[in-house]
Amino acid sequence: MKRIMMMALLALALPVAAFAGNIDFNNTGGTLTGNSAGLTLSGSALTGVTGLGLGMCSTAVPCGSLSFTTGSMTSGNLMTGAMFNGGGSFQILGSGNGLPSVIFNGTFNGPVTWTEVQNCGTDGSICYTLSGSITGTWFNGVTVNGATVQLTFNAGKNGFSGSVPLASGDTVITTVVPEPGTLGLLGTGLVGLAGVIRRKLKA
């Protein structure tokens, strides 16, 4: 009886645990282009996935891609730093190794910051970071309540002039954590399930 109860609890708890934390995506390569209408990243390979519990990938064996577009520029400039409107799109696609074809599909839900970082390399290169928050939907329909996006671009010694290759990117997506009411319903369901199993075993 105890073994059956533990198995039932584990089976119901696993889906909750799988989406109650942070999921980290790494990507590299691709090109960022930008103007007053917004920024666009294309051709960036997905090289690492941590916390999703699905497939594996690496720099040597990419397993998907990451791309995005922002809204239009609201202040500043591309050379020294700027702010962009939300909207646009943010998409993470899988291409095998146990990953679904669309891992995450969302949009920027607030301002996107483009920040200049002077002397980021030993050769005096100028780097930029892009950060913002996104909302969207996972491959299984679970809604994301927010995400921290951090991407780093090395623009060389001359800085950003409308197009730059991506050195590395890191996207941390904060998943939906069940609220107390949801956990209460889960607990009630487990108690009911225990009663049904006990009754069947006695019969």
C-alpha atoms as a PDB file:
ATOM      1  CA  MET A   1       0.000   0.000   0.000  1.00  0.00           C
ATOM      2  CA  LYS A   2       2.753   2.423   0.991  1.00  0.00           C
ATOM      3  CA  ARG A   3       4.690   1.669  -2.181  1.00  0.00           C
ATOM      4  CA  ILE A   4       1.644   2.387  -4.383  1.00  0.00           C
ATOM      5  CA  MET A   5       0.974   5.642  -2.518  1.00  0.00           C
ATOM      6  CA  MET A   6       4.583   6.794  -2.949  1.00  0.00           C
ATOM      7  CA  MET A   7       4.501   5.995  -6.663  1.00  0.00           C
ATOM      8  CA  ALA A   8       1.267   7.962  -7.086  1.00  0.00           C
ATOM      9  CA  LEU A   9       2.675  10.950  -5.200  1.00  0.00           C
ATOM     10  CA  LEU A  10       5.880  10.875  -7.245  1.00  0.00           C
ATOM     11  CA  ALA A  11       4.016  10.660 -10.555  1.00  0.00           C
ATOM     12  CA  LEU A  12       1.879  13.674  -9.684  1.00  0.00           C
ATOM     13  CA  ALA A  13       4.698  15.720  -8.169  1.00  0.00           C
ATOM     14  CA  LEU A  14       7.213  15.336 -11.015  1.00  0.00           C
ATOM     15  CA  PRO A  15       5.418  17.623 -13.509  1.00  0.00           C
ATOM     16  CA  VAL A  16       5.176  20.331 -10.843  1.00  0.00           C
ATOM     17  CA  ALA A  17       8.852  20.048  -9.910  1.00  0.00           C
ATOM     18  CA  ALA A  18       9.918  20.108 -13.552  1.00  0.00           C
ATOM     19  CA  PHE A  19       8.464  23.583 -14.000  1.00  0.00           C
ATOM     20  CA  ALA A  20       9.168  25.166 -10.632  1.00  0.00           C
ATOM     21  CA  GLY A  21      12.557  26.793 -11.112  1.00  0.00           C
ATOM     22  CA  ASN A  22      14.922  28.411 -13.596  1.00  0.00           C
ATOM     23  CA  ILE A  23      15.844  27.039 -17.000  1.00  0.00           C
ATOM     24  CA  ASP A  24      19.094  28.271 -18.523  1.00  0.00           C
ATOM     25  CA  PHE A  25      19.804  28.415 -22.276  1.00  0.00           C
ATOM     26  CA  ASN A  26      23.200  29.164 -23.815  1.00  0.00           C
ATOM     27  CA  ASN A  27      23.704  30.187 -27.420  1.00  0.00           C
ATOM     28  CA  THR A  28      26.534  31.340 -29.646  1.00  0.00           C
ATOM     29  CA  GLY A  29      27.063  32.665 -33.161  1.00  0.00           C
ATOM     30  CA  GLY A  30      24.543  34.446 -35.312  1.00  0.00           C
ATOM     31  CA  THR A  31      24.295  38.124 -36.201  1.00  0.00           C
ATOM     32  CA  LEU A  32      22.626  41.018 -34.436  1.00  0.00           C
ATOM     33  CA  THR A  33      21.423  43.816 -36.690  1.00  0.00           C
ATOM     34  CA  GLY A  34      19.814  47.021 -35.509  1.00  0.00           C
ATOM     35  CA  ASN A  35      18.504  50.483 -36.302  1.00  0.00           C
ATOM     36  CA  SER A  36      15.870  52.825 -34.899  1.00  0.00           C
ATOM     37  CA  ALA A  37      13.162  50.270 -35.761  1.00  0.00           C
ATOM     38  CA  GLY A  38      14.667  47.688 -33.348  1.00  0.00           C
ATOM     39  CA  LEU A  39      17.204  44.900 -32.897  1.00  0.00           C
ATOM     40  CA  THR A  40      17.098  41.477 -34.560  1.00  0.00           C
ATOM     41  CA  LEU A  41      19.161  38.369 -33.764  1.00  0.00           C
ATOM     42  CA  SER A  42      19.226  35.542 -36.311  1.00  0.00           C
ATOM     43  CA  GLY A  43      21.289  32.409 -36.901  1.00  0.00           C
ATOM     44  CA  SER A  44      22.334  31.860 -33.270  1.00  0.00           C
ATOM     45  CA  ALA A  45      22.913  28.196 -32.326  1.00  0.00           C
ATOM     46  CA  LEU A  46      21.539  26.692 -29.114  1.00  0.00           C
ATOM     47  CA  THR A  47      24.567  25.154 -27.350  1.00  0.00           C
ATOM     48  CA  GLY A  48      23.374  24.423 -23.818  1.00  0.00           C
ATOM     49  CA  VAL A  49      20.157  23.663 -21.925  1.00  0.00           C
ATOM     50  CA  THR A  50      20.125  23.325 -18.142  1.00  0.00           C
ATOM     51  CA  GLY A  51      17.055  22.513 -16.051  1.00  0.00           C
ATOM     52  CA  LEU A  52      14.637  21.415 -18.759  1.00  0.00           C
ATOM     53  CA  GLY A  53      15.125  17.684 -18.226  1.00  0.00           C
ATOM     54  CA  LEU A  54      15.039  16.870 -21.935  1.00  0.00           C
ATOM     55  CA  GLY A  55      17.796  16.590 -24.537  1.00  0.00           C
ATOM     56  CA  MET A  56      21.456  17.534 -24.356  1.00  0.00           C
ATOM     57  CA  CYS A  57      23.548  19.737 -26.624  1.00  0.00           C
ATOM     58  CA  SER A  58      26.910  21.491 -26.725  1.00  0.00           C
ATOM     59  CA  THR A  59      28.988  23.939 -28.718  1.00  0.00           C
ATOM     60  CA  ALA A  60      30.264  21.001 -30.781  1.00  0.00           C
ATOM     61  CA  VAL A  61      26.757  19.586 -31.269  1.00  0.00           C
ATOM     62  CA  PRO A  62      24.150  22.400 -31.281  1.00  0.00           C
ATOM     63  CA  CYS A  63      20.547  21.297 -30.809  1.00  0.00           C
ATOM     64  CA  GLY A  64      18.504  24.258 -31.972  1.00  0.00           C
ATOM     65  CA  SER A  65      18.480  28.018 -32.360  1.00  0.00           C
ATOM     66  CA  LEU A  66      17.585  31.220 -30.542  1.00  0.00           C
ATOM     67  CA  SER A  67      16.263  34.344 -32.245  1.00  0.00           C
ATOM     68  CA  PHE A  68      14.506  37.559 -31.295  1.00  0.00           C
ATOM     69  CA  THR A  69      13.322  40.987 -32.401  1.00  0.00           C
ATOM     70  CA  THR A  70      12.670  43.980 -30.154  1.00  0.00           C
ATOM     71  CA  GLY A  71      10.335  46.917 -30.492  1.00  0.00           C
ATOM     72  CA  SER A  72      11.499  50.299 -31.778  1.00  0.00           C
ATOM     73  CA  MET A  73      14.193  52.451 -30.128  1.00  0.00           C
ATOM     74  CA  THR A  74      12.882  54.923 -27.552  1.00  0.00           C
ATOM     75  CA  SER A  75      16.096  56.671 -26.472  1.00  0.00           C
ATOM     76  CA  GLY A  76      19.878  56.684 -26.877  1.00  0.00           C
ATOM     77  CA  ASN A  77      21.821  55.294 -29.833  1.00  0.00           C
ATOM     78  CA  LEU A  78      23.343  52.002 -30.929  1.00  0.00           C
ATOM     79  CA  MET A  79      26.956  53.138 -30.400  1.00  0.00           C
ATOM     80  CA  THR A  80      26.760  54.194 -26.749  1.00  0.00           C
ATOM     81  CA  GLY A  81      23.605  52.506 -25.421  1.00  0.00           C
ATOM     82  CA  ALA A  82      19.871  52.649 -25.972  1.00  0.00           C
ATOM     83  CA  MET A  83      16.416  51.605 -24.786  1.00  0.00           C
ATOM     84  CA  PHE A  84      13.901  49.721 -26.939  1.00  0.00           C
ATOM     85  CA  ASN A  85      10.187  49.092 -26.623  1.00  0.00           C
ATOM     86  CA  GLY A  86       8.880  45.673 -25.687  1.00  0.00           C
ATOM     87  CA  GLY A  87       6.938  43.519 -28.109  1.00  0.00           C
ATOM     88  CA  GLY A  88       8.682  41.813 -30.980  1.00  0.00           C
ATOM     89  CA  SER A  89       9.413  38.128 -30.463  1.00  0.00           C
ATOM     90  CA  PHE A  90      11.676  35.747 -28.555  1.00  0.00           C
ATOM     91  CA  GLN A  91      11.854  32.158 -29.799  1.00  0.00           C
ATOM     92  CA  ILE A  92      13.892  29.080 -28.872  1.00  0.00           C
ATOM     93  CA  LEU A  93      13.681  26.165 -31.314  1.00  0.00           C
ATOM     94  CA  GLY A  94      14.938  22.608 -30.946  1.00  0.00           C
ATOM     95  CA  SER A  95      16.392  20.423 -33.683  1.00  0.00           C
ATOM     96  CA  GLY A  96      16.609  16.968 -32.201  1.00  0.00           C
ATOM     97  CA  ASN A  97      18.528  15.333 -29.331  1.00  0.00           C
ATOM     98  CA  GLY A  98      15.282  14.875 -27.423  1.00  0.00           C
ATOM     99  CA  LEU A  99      14.164  18.511 -27.681  1.00  0.00           C
ATOM    100  CA  PRO A 100      10.782  19.572 -29.140  1.00  0.00           C
ATOM    101  CA  SER A 101      10.749  21.619 -32.354  1.00  0.00           C
ATOM    102  CA  VAL A 102       9.442  24.731 -30.516  1.00  0.00           C
ATOM    103  CA  ILE A 103      10.853  24.922 -26.986  1.00  0.00           C
ATOM    104  CA  PHE A 104       9.706  28.435 -26.099  1.00  0.00           C
ATOM    105  CA  ASN A 105       7.717  31.099 -27.940  1.00  0.00           C
ATOM    106  CA  GLY A 106       7.224  34.563 -26.438  1.00  0.00           C
ATOM    107  CA  THR A 107       7.715  38.323 -26.586  1.00  0.00           C
ATOM    108  CA  PHE A 108       9.522  41.051 -24.672  1.00  0.00           C
ATOM    109  CA  ASN A 109       7.074  42.348 -22.084  1.00  0.00           C
ATOM    110  CA  GLY A 110       8.876  45.563 -21.139  1.00  0.00           C
ATOM    111  CA  PRO A 111      11.749  47.865 -22.066  1.00  0.00           C
ATOM    112  CA  VAL A 112      14.863  46.257 -23.545  1.00  0.00           C
ATOM    113  CA  THR A 113      18.219  47.765 -22.523  1.00  0.00           C
ATOM    114  CA  TRP A 114      21.245  47.960 -24.853  1.00  0.00           C
ATOM    115  CA  THR A 115      24.366  48.837 -22.803  1.00  0.00           C
ATOM    116  CA  GLU A 116      27.906  49.601 -23.955  1.00  0.00           C
ATOM    117  CA  VAL A 117      30.802  47.930 -22.092  1.00  0.00           C
ATOM    118  CA  GLN A 118      34.172  49.583 -22.811  1.00  0.00           C
ATOM    119  CA  ASN A 119      37.389  47.530 -23.044  1.00  0.00           C
ATOM    120  CA  CYS A 120      35.745  44.152 -22.613  1.00  0.00           C
ATOM    121  CA  GLY A 121      38.698  42.310 -24.165  1.00  0.00           C
ATOM    122  CA  THR A 122      42.479  42.440 -23.996  1.00  0.00           C
ATOM    123  CA  ASP A 123      42.534  44.049 -27.453  1.00  0.00           C
ATOM    124  CA  GLY A 124      40.371  47.006 -26.407  1.00  0.00           C
ATOM    125  CA  SER A 125      37.185  45.636 -27.962  1.00  0.00           C
ATOM    126  CA  ILE A 126      33.844  47.251 -27.174  1.00  0.00           C
ATOM    127  CA  CYS A 127      31.109  44.899 -26.028  1.00  0.00           C
ATOM    128  CA  TYR A 128      27.387  45.384 -25.529  1.00  0.00           C
ATOM    129  CA  THR A 129      24.859  43.616 -23.354  1.00  0.00           C
ATOM    130  CA  LEU A 130      21.182  43.306 -24.144  1.00  0.00           C
ATOM    131  CA  SER A 131      18.814  42.639 -21.264  1.00  0.00           C
ATOM    132  CA  GLY A 132      15.089  42.573 -20.740  1.00  0.00           C
ATOM    133  CA  SER A 133      12.202  40.433 -19.557  1.00  0.00           C
ATOM    134  CA  ILE A 134       9.976  38.168 -21.624  1.00  0.00           C
ATOM    135  CA  THR A 135       6.750  36.233 -21.280  1.00  0.00           C
ATOM    136  CA  GLY A 136       5.600  33.314 -23.370  1.00  0.00           C
ATOM    137  CA  THR A 137       4.643  29.655 -23.549  1.00  0.00           C
ATOM    138  CA  TRP A 138       6.603  26.434 -23.194  1.00  0.00           C
ATOM    139  CA  PHE A 139       6.383  23.529 -25.641  1.00  0.00           C
ATOM    140  CA  ASN A 140       3.842  21.835 -23.336  1.00  0.00           C
ATOM    141  CA  GLY A 141       1.546  24.845 -22.956  1.00  0.00           C
ATOM    142  CA  VAL A 142       2.848  26.041 -19.564  1.00  0.00           C
ATOM    143  CA  THR A 143       2.918  29.852 -19.362  1.00  0.00           C
ATOM    144  CA  VAL A 144       6.078  31.669 -18.266  1.00  0.00           C
ATOM    145  CA  ASN A 145       5.584  34.421 -15.692  1.00  0.00           C
ATOM    146  CA  GLY A 146       8.784  36.246 -16.601  1.00  0.00           C
ATOM    147  CA  ALA A 147      12.340  35.716 -17.737  1.00  0.00           C
ATOM    148  CA  THR A 148      15.688  37.422 -17.462  1.00  0.00           C
ATOM    149  CA  VAL A 149      17.494  37.668 -20.789  1.00  0.00           C
ATOM    150  CA  GLN A 150      21.203  38.515 -20.883  1.00  0.00           C
ATOM    151  CA  LEU A 151      23.108  38.493 -24.198  1.00  0.00           C
ATOM    152  CA  THR A 152      26.689  39.691 -24.782  1.00  0.00           C
ATOM    153  CA  PHE A 153      27.984  41.015 -28.104  1.00  0.00           C
ATOM    154  CA  ASN A 154      31.610  41.801 -28.997  1.00  0.00           C
ATOM    155  CA  ALA A 155      31.654  44.570 -31.601  1.00  0.00           C
ATOM    156  CA  GLY A 156      35.435  44.886 -31.968  1.00  0.00           C
ATOM    157  CA  LYS A 157      37.413  48.093 -31.505  1.00  0.00           C
ATOM    158  CA  ASN A 158      35.079  50.253 -33.595  1.00  0.00           C
ATOM    159  CA  GLY A 159      31.886  49.491 -31.688  1.00  0.00           C
ATOM    160  CA  PHE A 160      28.435  48.710 -33.061  1.00  0.00           C
ATOM    161  CA  SER A 161      27.728  50.045 -36.540  1.00  0.00           C
ATOM    162  CA  GLY A 162      24.464  48.309 -37.367  1.00  0.00           C
ATOM    163  CA  SER A 163      25.599  44.673 -37.392  1.00  0.00           C
ATOM    164  CA  VAL A 164      27.701  42.549 -35.025  1.00  0.00           C
ATOM    165  CA  PRO A 165      28.327  38.798 -34.473  1.00  0.00           C
ATOM    166  CA  LEU A 166      27.163  37.269 -31.187  1.00  0.00           C
ATOM    167  CA  ALA A 167      29.952  36.109 -28.874  1.00  0.00           C
ATOM    168  CA  SER A 168      27.744  34.436 -26.290  1.00  0.00           C
ATOM    169  CA  GLY A 169      24.261  34.570 -24.859  1.00  0.00           C
ATOM    170  CA  ASP A 170      22.562  33.444 -21.681  1.00  0.00           C
ATOM    171  CA  THR A 171      18.796  33.311 -21.182  1.00  0.00           C
ATOM    172  CA  VAL A 172      17.321  32.411 -17.797  1.00  0.00           C
ATOM    173  CA  ILE A 173      13.602  31.692 -17.871  1.00  0.00           C
ATOM    174  CA  THR A 174      11.738  31.726 -14.564  1.00  0.00           C
ATOM    175  CA  THR A 175       9.003  29.129 -14.719  1.00  0.00           C
ATOM    176  CA  VAL A 176       5.546  29.270 -13.200  1.00  0.00           C
ATOM    177  CA  VAL A 177       5.504  28.156  -9.571  1.00  0.00           C
ATOM    178  CA  PRO A 178       2.104  26.804  -8.435  1.00  0.00           C
ATOM    179  CA  GLU A 179       0.235  29.157  -6.127  1.00  0.00           C
ATOM    180  CA  PRO A 180      -1.085  27.924  -2.733  1.00  0.00           C
ATOM    181  CA  GLY A 181      -4.590  27.313  -4.121  1.00  0.00           C
ATOM    182  CA  THR A 182      -3.194  25.032  -6.817  1.00  0.00           C
ATOM    183  CA  LEU A 183      -1.140  23.122  -4.266  1.00  0.00           C
ATOM    184  CA  GLY A 184      -4.252  22.721  -2.095  1.00  0.00           C
ATOM    185  CA  LEU A 185      -6.162  21.199  -5.019  1.00  0.00           C
ATOM    186  CA  LEU A 186      -3.247  18.868  -5.689  1.00  0.00           C
ATOM    187  CA  GLY A 187      -3.256  17.742  -2.045  1.00  0.00           C
ATOM    188  CA  THR A 188      -7.013  17.104  -2.101  1.00  0.00           C
ATOM    189  CA  GLY A 189      -6.661  15.072  -5.268  1.00  0.00           C
ATOM    190  CA  LEU A 190      -3.898  12.964  -3.738  1.00  0.00           C
ATOM    191  CA  VAL A 191      -6.030  12.213  -0.668  1.00  0.00           C
ATOM    192  CA  GLY A 192      -8.915  11.138  -2.916  1.00  0.00           C
ATOM    193  CA  LEU A 193      -6.603   8.964  -5.000  1.00  0.00           C
ATOM    194  CA  ALA A 194      -5.277   7.296  -1.847  1.00  0.00           C
ATOM    195  CA  GLY A 195      -8.838   6.460  -0.797  1.00  0.00           C
ATOM    196  CA  VAL A 196      -9.655   4.868  -4.158  1.00  0.00           C
ATOM    197  CA  ILE A 197      -6.475   2.781  -4.164  1.00  0.00           C
ATOM    198  CA  ARG A 198      -7.069   1.613  -0.575  1.00  0.00           C
ATOM    199  CA  ARG A 199     -10.648   0.599  -1.349  1.00  0.00           C
ATOM    200  CA  LYS A 200      -9.542  -1.410  -4.409  1.00  0.00           C
ATOM    201  CA  LEU A 201      -6.809  -3.175  -2.447  1.00  0.00           C
ATOM    202  CA  LYS A 202      -9.251  -4.181   0.312  1.00  0.00           C
ATOM    203  CA  ALA A 203     -11.683  -5.551  -2.290  1.00  0.00           C
END
